[in-house]
Amino acid sequence: MTEKEKMLTGKIYDASDEELKRFRETAHRLSREYNLLDECDLNARAKILRALLPNADKSAYLQGPVQFDYGIFTELGENFYANFNLTVLDCAPVKIGNNVFIGPNCSLVTPIHPLLSRERNPSIRADGSVFAQEYAKPIIIGDDCWLATNVTVLRRSGYRKRMRYCSGKRRNGRNSAEFSCRRHSMQGDSNAV
């Protein structure tokens, strides 16, 4: 089983694998190129998005800046919209449905670092090179969802259809800044945020 296959199936893998490194370097370069373009340069932006996100519907709009770990493992449905500063660490599949809106400063994070220190700490190969292992779990966001601002979606999350996820700071006692996430149904307008 290749490191890519391990990664995509949720097994512990070596992130320093050469194939994975090439995929990441390509995604990072394409993200940077996309971010440098003016938003009115629609043709160049579309060309980069097709290379970065081959599994995205052509109607997807990403304001930018964006950062993808791989891009090729992310699927975007029809009428997808992402505001400023979208980060997607797609070490496992990220599947986003139709009519999904993502506010500024949101992150979709699939990687998990092992909890056991002997698995998490860097290891040394026979040739003396250092490597670390991790694993990842998928994220699925259903149709008609809205992630407001500063939302971090962690791995193995499944967001059903027609939901809003809103995040904000809260101050409480000795903890000066904690983040909370609330979930609201989008049935009617009574839960408007």
Protein backbone atom coordinates (compact mmCIF):
# COMPACT_ATOMS: atom_id res chain seq x y z
CA MET A 1 0.00 0.00 0.00
CA THR A 2 1.44 3.40 -0.98
CA GLU A 3 1.67 6.29 1.47
CA LYS A 4 -1.01 8.08 -0.58
CA GLU A 5 -3.35 5.08 -0.26
CA LYS A 6 -2.68 4.92 3.48
CA MET A 7 -3.38 8.64 3.82
CA LEU A 8 -6.66 8.53 1.91
CA THR A 9 -7.94 5.50 3.85
CA GLY A 10 -7.23 6.90 7.31
CA LYS A 11 -4.15 4.83 8.11
CA ILE A 12 -0.94 6.19 9.62
CA TYR A 13 1.31 7.38 6.80
CA ASP A 14 4.63 9.09 6.21
CA ALA A 15 3.86 12.66 5.10
CA SER A 16 7.42 13.06 3.78
CA ASP A 17 6.75 10.53 1.00
CA GLU A 18 8.06 11.85 -2.34
CA GLU A 19 4.76 11.45 -4.20
CA LEU A 20 2.84 13.30 -1.47
CA LYS A 21 5.54 15.98 -1.36
CA ARG A 22 5.15 16.59 -5.12
CA PHE A 23 1.35 16.85 -4.79
CA ARG A 24 1.70 19.34 -1.89
CA GLU A 25 4.28 21.44 -3.69
CA THR A 26 2.01 21.68 -6.73
CA ALA A 27 -1.01 22.68 -4.60
CA HIS A 28 1.02 25.25 -2.67
CA ARG A 29 2.36 26.77 -5.89
CA LEU A 30 -1.12 26.90 -7.47
CA SER A 31 -2.60 28.42 -4.29
CA ARG A 32 0.10 31.11 -4.33
CA GLU A 33 -0.46 31.84 -8.05
CA TYR A 34 -4.24 32.10 -7.49
CA ASN A 35 -3.74 34.46 -4.56
CA LEU A 36 -1.55 36.80 -6.64
CA LEU A 37 -4.20 37.31 -9.33
CA ASP A 38 -6.67 40.19 -9.36
CA GLU A 39 -10.20 38.97 -8.81
CA CYS A 40 -11.24 40.51 -12.14
CA ASP A 41 -8.82 38.17 -13.97
CA LEU A 42 -11.53 35.50 -14.24
CA ASN A 43 -9.98 33.39 -17.00
CA ALA A 44 -6.61 32.99 -15.29
CA ARG A 45 -8.28 32.28 -11.94
CA ALA A 46 -10.53 29.63 -13.52
CA LYS A 47 -7.55 27.96 -15.20
CA ILE A 48 -5.65 27.72 -11.91
CA LEU A 49 -8.72 26.44 -10.05
CA ARG A 50 -9.20 23.66 -12.62
CA ALA A 51 -5.63 22.51 -11.98
CA LEU A 52 -5.77 23.00 -8.20
CA LEU A 53 -9.29 21.60 -7.70
CA PRO A 54 -10.07 19.18 -10.55
CA ASN A 55 -13.11 17.90 -8.59
CA ALA A 56 -14.76 21.29 -8.18
CA ASP A 57 -17.88 22.36 -10.05
CA LYS A 58 -17.11 25.10 -12.57
CA SER A 59 -19.47 27.47 -10.72
CA ALA A 60 -17.32 27.41 -7.55
CA TYR A 61 -16.03 30.82 -6.48
CA LEU A 62 -13.15 31.30 -4.06
CA GLN A 63 -12.48 34.91 -3.11
CA GLY A 64 -8.92 34.26 -2.02
CA PRO A 65 -6.50 34.09 -0.53
CA VAL A 66 -6.74 30.32 -0.32
CA GLN A 67 -4.39 27.58 0.82
CA PHE A 68 -4.78 23.90 -0.03
CA ASP A 69 -2.56 21.08 1.14
CA TYR A 70 -3.34 18.95 -1.93
CA GLY A 71 -6.47 20.31 -3.64
CA ILE A 72 -6.92 17.15 -5.69
CA PHE A 73 -8.63 15.46 -2.73
CA THR A 74 -11.29 18.19 -2.35
CA GLU A 75 -14.70 18.12 -4.07
CA LEU A 76 -16.79 21.28 -4.35
CA GLY A 77 -20.45 21.19 -5.38
CA GLU A 78 -22.46 23.64 -7.45
CA ASN A 79 -22.66 27.27 -6.34
CA PHE A 80 -19.89 26.91 -3.76
CA TYR A 81 -18.64 30.23 -2.37
CA ALA A 82 -15.69 30.87 -0.05
CA ASN A 83 -14.83 34.29 1.33
CA PHE A 84 -11.31 35.49 2.29
CA ASN A 85 -8.70 33.16 3.83
CA LEU A 86 -9.98 29.65 3.21
CA THR A 87 -7.55 26.92 4.34
CA VAL A 88 -8.18 23.29 3.39
CA LEU A 89 -5.86 20.60 4.72
CA ASP A 90 -7.19 17.80 2.54
CA CYS A 91 -5.01 14.88 3.62
CA ALA A 92 -8.25 12.89 3.58
CA PRO A 93 -11.15 13.52 1.21
CA VAL A 94 -13.08 16.76 1.71
CA LYS A 95 -16.53 16.66 0.09
CA ILE A 96 -18.63 19.80 0.01
CA GLY A 97 -22.18 19.78 -1.33
CA ASN A 98 -24.16 22.24 -3.42
CA ASN A 99 -25.00 25.81 -2.35
CA VAL A 100 -22.44 25.90 0.46
CA PHE A 101 -21.19 29.27 1.67
CA ILE A 102 -18.05 29.67 3.75
CA GLY A 103 -17.26 32.95 5.49
CA PRO A 104 -13.86 34.53 6.04
CA ASN A 105 -11.03 32.88 7.94
CA CYS A 106 -12.38 29.33 7.89
CA SER A 107 -10.34 26.13 7.95
CA LEU A 108 -11.19 22.55 6.99
CA VAL A 109 -8.67 20.32 8.77
CA THR A 110 -8.45 16.56 8.15
CA PRO A 111 -5.03 15.61 9.63
CA ILE A 112 -4.67 14.04 13.03
CA HIS A 113 -1.38 13.57 14.79
CA PRO A 114 -1.09 10.37 16.83
CA LEU A 115 -1.92 10.69 20.52
CA LEU A 116 0.77 8.22 21.57
CA SER A 117 4.10 10.00 21.83
CA ARG A 118 6.03 7.02 20.44
CA GLU A 119 3.95 7.31 17.24
CA ARG A 120 3.88 11.13 17.16
CA ASN A 121 7.55 11.89 17.81
CA PRO A 122 9.85 12.12 14.80
CA SER A 123 11.47 8.86 13.73
CA ILE A 124 14.81 8.25 12.02
CA ARG A 125 15.20 6.09 8.90
CA ALA A 126 18.17 3.81 8.30
CA ASP A 127 19.69 6.53 6.06
CA GLY A 128 19.52 9.03 8.95
CA SER A 129 16.67 11.12 7.54
CA VAL A 130 13.93 12.21 9.94
CA PHE A 131 10.23 11.69 9.33
CA ALA A 132 6.97 12.01 11.23
CA GLN A 133 3.77 10.07 10.86
CA GLU A 134 0.17 11.22 10.92
CA TYR A 135 -3.22 10.11 9.75
CA ALA A 136 -6.32 11.89 8.49
CA LYS A 137 -10.09 11.48 8.48
CA PRO A 138 -12.55 12.90 5.92
CA ILE A 139 -14.82 15.92 6.15
CA ILE A 140 -18.25 15.92 4.50
CA ILE A 141 -20.38 19.06 4.35
CA GLY A 142 -23.90 18.57 2.94
CA ASP A 143 -25.95 20.78 0.63
CA ASP A 144 -27.16 24.23 1.66
CA CYS A 145 -24.78 24.71 4.59
CA TRP A 146 -23.26 27.97 5.76
CA LEU A 147 -20.07 28.26 7.79
CA ALA A 148 -19.92 31.81 9.14
CA THR A 149 -16.63 33.42 10.14
CA ASN A 150 -13.61 31.84 11.90
CA VAL A 151 -15.05 28.32 11.76
CA THR A 152 -12.63 25.42 12.00
CA VAL A 153 -14.07 22.12 10.83
CA LEU A 154 -12.14 19.20 12.19
CA ARG A 155 -11.68 15.81 10.62
CA ARG A 156 -14.34 13.14 10.66
CA SER A 157 -17.03 15.77 10.64
CA GLY A 158 -20.30 15.31 8.84
CA TYR A 159 -22.48 18.37 8.53
CA ARG A 160 -25.97 17.59 7.37
CA LYS A 161 -27.97 19.63 4.93
CA ARG A 162 -29.26 23.13 5.63
CA MET A 163 -27.16 23.96 8.68
CA ARG A 164 -25.33 27.10 9.81
CA TYR A 165 -22.13 26.91 11.81
CA CYS A 166 -21.14 30.12 13.50
CA SER A 167 -18.07 30.83 15.56
CA GLY A 168 -17.01 33.60 17.85
CA LYS A 169 -14.81 34.46 20.80
CA ARG A 170 -16.08 34.24 24.31
CA ARG A 171 -14.46 35.41 27.48
CA ASN A 172 -14.95 33.46 30.62
CA GLY A 173 -13.17 33.74 33.93
CA ARG A 174 -9.49 32.82 33.83
CA ASN A 175 -9.60 31.71 30.19
CA SER A 176 -9.17 34.97 28.35
CA ALA A 177 -10.14 33.81 24.87
CA GLU A 178 -11.85 30.58 24.02
CA PHE A 179 -13.62 29.80 20.79
CA SER A 180 -17.08 28.32 20.66
CA CYS A 181 -19.07 26.93 17.80
CA ARG A 182 -22.85 26.88 17.68
CA ARG A 183 -25.01 24.98 15.27
CA HIS A 184 -28.25 26.44 13.96
CA SER A 185 -30.89 24.94 11.74
CA MET A 186 -31.75 26.94 8.66
CA GLN A 187 -35.43 25.95 8.82
CA GLY A 188 -37.13 29.34 8.61
CA ASP A 189 -35.57 32.59 9.74
CA SER A 190 -36.18 32.30 13.49
CA ASN A 191 -32.58 31.19 14.07
CA ALA A 192 -31.03 33.95 11.98
CA VAL A 193 -27.54 34.78 13.14
